[in-house]
Amino acid sequence: MWKFLLGAAVGYVLGARAGHERYEQLHRTYQRIADHPAVQGAAGVVRARVEEAVNGHKHSDAHGEGVRGRAGAVR
């Protein structure tokens, strides 16, 4: 527990010394990277794959291919 508190205190002091200017610099860098077309394209691909993985199972159930649909086909 003491290590955590010591780390938090050191981080606070270093952050306070860096000041608002450093924060703004980091924020601008983040925005520049996040707005880059290559990053946007990669984010779109990842988003589509996550949605496909999450909604893929619901999609197959909606078409009657869920557990009940497969069980009926076995009979």
N, C-alpha and C. Protein backbone atom coordinates (compact mmCIF):
# COMPACT_ATOMS: atom_id res chain seq x y z
N MET A 1 0.81 -1.19 0.00
CA MET A 1 0.00 0.00 0.00
C MET A 1 0.87 1.26 0.00
N TRP A 2 1.96 1.22 0.76
CA TRP A 2 2.85 2.38 0.82
C TRP A 2 3.51 2.66 -0.52
N LYS A 3 3.82 1.58 -1.25
CA LYS A 3 4.45 1.77 -2.56
C LYS A 3 3.50 2.50 -3.51
N PHE A 4 2.23 2.14 -3.44
CA PHE A 4 1.24 2.80 -4.29
C PHE A 4 1.13 4.28 -3.95
N LEU A 5 1.04 4.57 -2.65
CA LEU A 5 0.93 5.97 -2.23
C LEU A 5 2.17 6.77 -2.60
N LEU A 6 3.34 6.15 -2.45
CA LEU A 6 4.59 6.82 -2.83
C LEU A 6 4.60 7.08 -4.33
N GLY A 7 4.18 6.10 -5.13
CA GLY A 7 4.12 6.28 -6.58
C GLY A 7 3.14 7.37 -6.98
N ALA A 8 2.00 7.40 -6.31
CA ALA A 8 1.01 8.43 -6.60
C ALA A 8 1.56 9.82 -6.26
N ALA A 9 2.26 9.92 -5.13
CA ALA A 9 2.83 11.21 -4.73
C ALA A 9 3.89 11.67 -5.72
N VAL A 10 4.77 10.76 -6.13
CA VAL A 10 5.82 11.11 -7.10
C VAL A 10 5.19 11.51 -8.43
N GLY A 11 4.19 10.77 -8.86
CA GLY A 11 3.50 11.12 -10.11
C GLY A 11 2.84 12.48 -10.05
N TYR A 12 2.26 12.78 -8.90
CA TYR A 12 1.62 14.09 -8.74
C TYR A 12 2.64 15.22 -8.82
N VAL A 13 3.76 15.04 -8.14
CA VAL A 13 4.79 16.08 -8.13
C VAL A 13 5.36 16.28 -9.53
N LEU A 14 5.66 15.17 -10.21
CA LEU A 14 6.21 15.28 -11.56
C LEU A 14 5.20 15.89 -12.51
N GLY A 15 3.93 15.52 -12.35
CA GLY A 15 2.89 16.09 -13.19
C GLY A 15 2.70 17.57 -12.95
N ALA A 16 2.80 17.96 -11.70
CA ALA A 16 2.65 19.39 -11.37
C ALA A 16 3.81 20.20 -11.93
N ARG A 17 4.99 19.61 -11.91
CA ARG A 17 6.16 20.31 -12.46
C ARG A 17 6.06 20.46 -13.98
N ALA A 18 5.51 19.42 -14.62
CA ALA A 18 5.37 19.48 -16.08
C ALA A 18 4.43 20.60 -16.47
N GLY A 19 3.38 20.77 -15.70
CA GLY A 19 2.48 21.89 -15.90
C GLY A 19 1.51 21.73 -17.05
N HIS A 20 0.75 22.76 -17.23
CA HIS A 20 -0.31 22.79 -18.22
C HIS A 20 0.23 22.78 -19.65
N GLU A 21 1.37 23.39 -19.87
CA GLU A 21 1.95 23.44 -21.22
C GLU A 21 2.26 22.04 -21.73
N ARG A 22 2.84 21.21 -20.86
CA ARG A 22 3.16 19.84 -21.26
C ARG A 22 1.89 19.05 -21.54
N TYR A 23 0.86 19.27 -20.73
CA TYR A 23 -0.42 18.61 -20.96
C TYR A 23 -0.98 18.99 -22.32
N GLU A 24 -0.94 20.25 -22.64
CA GLU A 24 -1.45 20.71 -23.93
C GLU A 24 -0.64 20.13 -25.08
N GLN A 25 0.68 20.03 -24.90
CA GLN A 25 1.53 19.43 -25.94
C GLN A 25 1.15 17.98 -26.16
N LEU A 26 0.96 17.23 -25.09
CA LEU A 26 0.56 15.83 -25.21
C LEU A 26 -0.82 15.71 -25.85
N HIS A 27 -1.72 16.59 -25.50
CA HIS A 27 -3.06 16.57 -26.06
C HIS A 27 -3.04 16.85 -27.56
N ARG A 28 -2.26 17.83 -27.98
CA ARG A 28 -2.14 18.12 -29.42
C ARG A 28 -1.55 16.94 -30.18
N THR A 29 -0.54 16.30 -29.60
CA THR A 29 0.07 15.13 -30.25
C THR A 29 -0.94 14.01 -30.39
N TYR A 30 -1.70 13.77 -29.32
CA TYR A 30 -2.73 12.73 -29.37
C TYR A 30 -3.75 13.03 -30.46
N GLN A 31 -4.22 14.27 -30.54
CA GLN A 31 -5.21 14.65 -31.54
C GLN A 31 -4.67 14.48 -32.95
N ARG A 32 -3.41 14.86 -33.16
CA ARG A 32 -2.80 14.73 -34.48
C ARG A 32 -2.73 13.26 -34.90
N ILE A 33 -2.37 12.39 -33.96
CA ILE A 33 -2.28 10.96 -34.26
C ILE A 33 -3.67 10.38 -34.48
N ALA A 34 -4.62 10.73 -33.61
CA ALA A 34 -5.97 10.18 -33.70
C ALA A 34 -6.68 10.62 -34.97
N ASP A 35 -6.35 11.79 -35.49
CA ASP A 35 -7.00 12.30 -36.69
C ASP A 35 -6.32 11.85 -37.98
N HIS A 36 -5.21 11.14 -37.88
CA HIS A 36 -4.49 10.68 -39.07
C HIS A 36 -5.35 9.66 -39.82
N PRO A 37 -5.41 9.75 -41.16
CA PRO A 37 -6.25 8.84 -41.93
C PRO A 37 -5.91 7.35 -41.73
N ALA A 38 -4.65 7.02 -41.58
CA ALA A 38 -4.28 5.62 -41.39
C ALA A 38 -4.82 5.10 -40.06
N VAL A 39 -4.76 5.91 -39.03
CA VAL A 39 -5.29 5.52 -37.73
C VAL A 39 -6.81 5.40 -37.79
N GLN A 40 -7.45 6.32 -38.47
CA GLN A 40 -8.90 6.26 -38.62
C GLN A 40 -9.33 5.00 -39.36
N GLY A 41 -8.58 4.64 -40.41
CA GLY A 41 -8.90 3.42 -41.16
C GLY A 41 -8.74 2.17 -40.30
N ALA A 42 -7.65 2.11 -39.55
CA ALA A 42 -7.42 0.95 -38.68
C ALA A 42 -8.50 0.88 -37.60
N ALA A 43 -8.89 2.01 -37.06
CA ALA A 43 -9.94 2.02 -36.04
C ALA A 43 -11.26 1.54 -36.62
N GLY A 44 -11.54 1.90 -37.86
CA GLY A 44 -12.77 1.44 -38.51
C GLY A 44 -12.78 -0.06 -38.71
N VAL A 45 -11.64 -0.61 -39.09
CA VAL A 45 -11.54 -2.06 -39.28
C VAL A 45 -11.74 -2.78 -37.95
N VAL A 46 -11.08 -2.29 -36.92
CA VAL A 46 -11.21 -2.90 -35.59
C VAL A 46 -12.65 -2.80 -35.11
N ARG A 47 -13.26 -1.64 -35.28
CA ARG A 47 -14.64 -1.44 -34.85
C ARG A 47 -15.57 -2.42 -35.56
N ALA A 48 -15.38 -2.60 -36.87
CA ALA A 48 -16.23 -3.50 -37.63
C ALA A 48 -16.06 -4.95 -37.17
N ARG A 49 -14.83 -5.35 -36.89
CA ARG A 49 -14.60 -6.72 -36.44
C ARG A 49 -15.17 -6.96 -35.05
N VAL A 50 -15.08 -5.97 -34.19
CA VAL A 50 -15.66 -6.12 -32.85
C VAL A 50 -17.18 -6.23 -32.96
N GLU A 51 -17.78 -5.37 -33.76
CA GLU A 51 -19.23 -5.43 -33.94
C GLU A 51 -19.65 -6.76 -34.54
N GLU A 52 -18.87 -7.26 -35.48
CA GLU A 52 -19.17 -8.55 -36.10
C GLU A 52 -19.08 -9.67 -35.07
N ALA A 53 -18.07 -9.62 -34.22
CA ALA A 53 -17.92 -10.65 -33.20
C ALA A 53 -19.04 -10.58 -32.16
N VAL A 54 -19.43 -9.37 -31.80
CA VAL A 54 -20.48 -9.22 -30.79
C VAL A 54 -21.85 -9.53 -31.38
N ASN A 55 -22.13 -9.03 -32.54
CA ASN A 55 -23.45 -9.19 -33.14
C ASN A 55 -23.57 -10.42 -34.02
N GLY A 56 -22.49 -11.08 -34.29
CA GLY A 56 -22.54 -12.25 -35.17
C GLY A 56 -23.44 -13.34 -34.65
N HIS A 57 -23.39 -13.59 -33.35
CA HIS A 57 -24.21 -14.64 -32.76
C HIS A 57 -25.68 -14.24 -32.77
N LYS A 58 -25.98 -12.99 -32.50
CA LYS A 58 -27.35 -12.52 -32.53
C LYS A 58 -27.90 -12.58 -33.94
N HIS A 59 -27.05 -12.27 -34.92
CA HIS A 59 -27.47 -12.28 -36.32
C HIS A 59 -27.90 -13.68 -36.74
N SER A 60 -27.12 -14.71 -36.39
CA SER A 60 -27.46 -16.06 -36.80
C SER A 60 -28.72 -16.53 -36.09
N ASP A 61 -28.97 -16.12 -34.84
CA ASP A 61 -30.18 -16.49 -34.13
C ASP A 61 -31.41 -15.84 -34.76
N ALA A 62 -31.25 -14.65 -35.29
CA ALA A 62 -32.37 -13.93 -35.87
C ALA A 62 -32.86 -14.61 -37.14
N HIS A 63 -32.02 -15.39 -37.78
CA HIS A 63 -32.40 -16.08 -39.00
C HIS A 63 -32.83 -17.51 -38.74
N GLY A 64 -33.12 -17.86 -37.50
CA GLY A 64 -33.60 -19.20 -37.20
C GLY A 64 -32.50 -20.24 -37.17
N GLU A 65 -31.27 -19.83 -37.11
CA GLU A 65 -30.17 -20.79 -37.09
C GLU A 65 -29.60 -20.94 -35.69
N GLY A 66 -30.37 -20.54 -34.69
CA GLY A 66 -29.92 -20.66 -33.31
C GLY A 66 -29.96 -22.10 -32.86
N VAL A 67 -29.93 -22.33 -31.60
CA VAL A 67 -29.92 -23.68 -31.06
C VAL A 67 -31.19 -24.41 -31.43
N ARG A 68 -32.32 -23.76 -31.34
CA ARG A 68 -33.59 -24.41 -31.67
C ARG A 68 -33.65 -24.77 -33.16
N GLY A 69 -33.16 -23.86 -34.01
CA GLY A 69 -33.18 -24.13 -35.44
C GLY A 69 -32.29 -25.31 -35.82
N ARG A 70 -31.14 -25.42 -35.21
CA ARG A 70 -30.25 -26.54 -35.48
C ARG A 70 -30.81 -27.84 -34.90
N ALA A 71 -31.45 -27.76 -33.75
CA ALA A 71 -32.00 -28.96 -33.13
C ALA A 71 -33.13 -29.52 -33.99
N GLY A 72 -33.93 -28.64 -34.60
CA GLY A 72 -34.99 -29.10 -35.47
C GLY A 72 -34.45 -29.78 -36.71
N ALA A 73 -33.31 -29.35 -37.19
CA ALA A 73 -32.71 -29.92 -38.39
C ALA A 73 -32.16 -31.32 -38.13
N VAL A 74 -31.82 -31.60 -36.88
CA VAL A 74 -31.23 -32.90 -36.55
C VAL A 74 -32.32 -33.95 -36.52
N ARG A 75 -33.50 -33.59 -36.13
CA ARG A 75 -34.61 -34.57 -36.02
C ARG A 75 -34.93 -35.11 -37.32
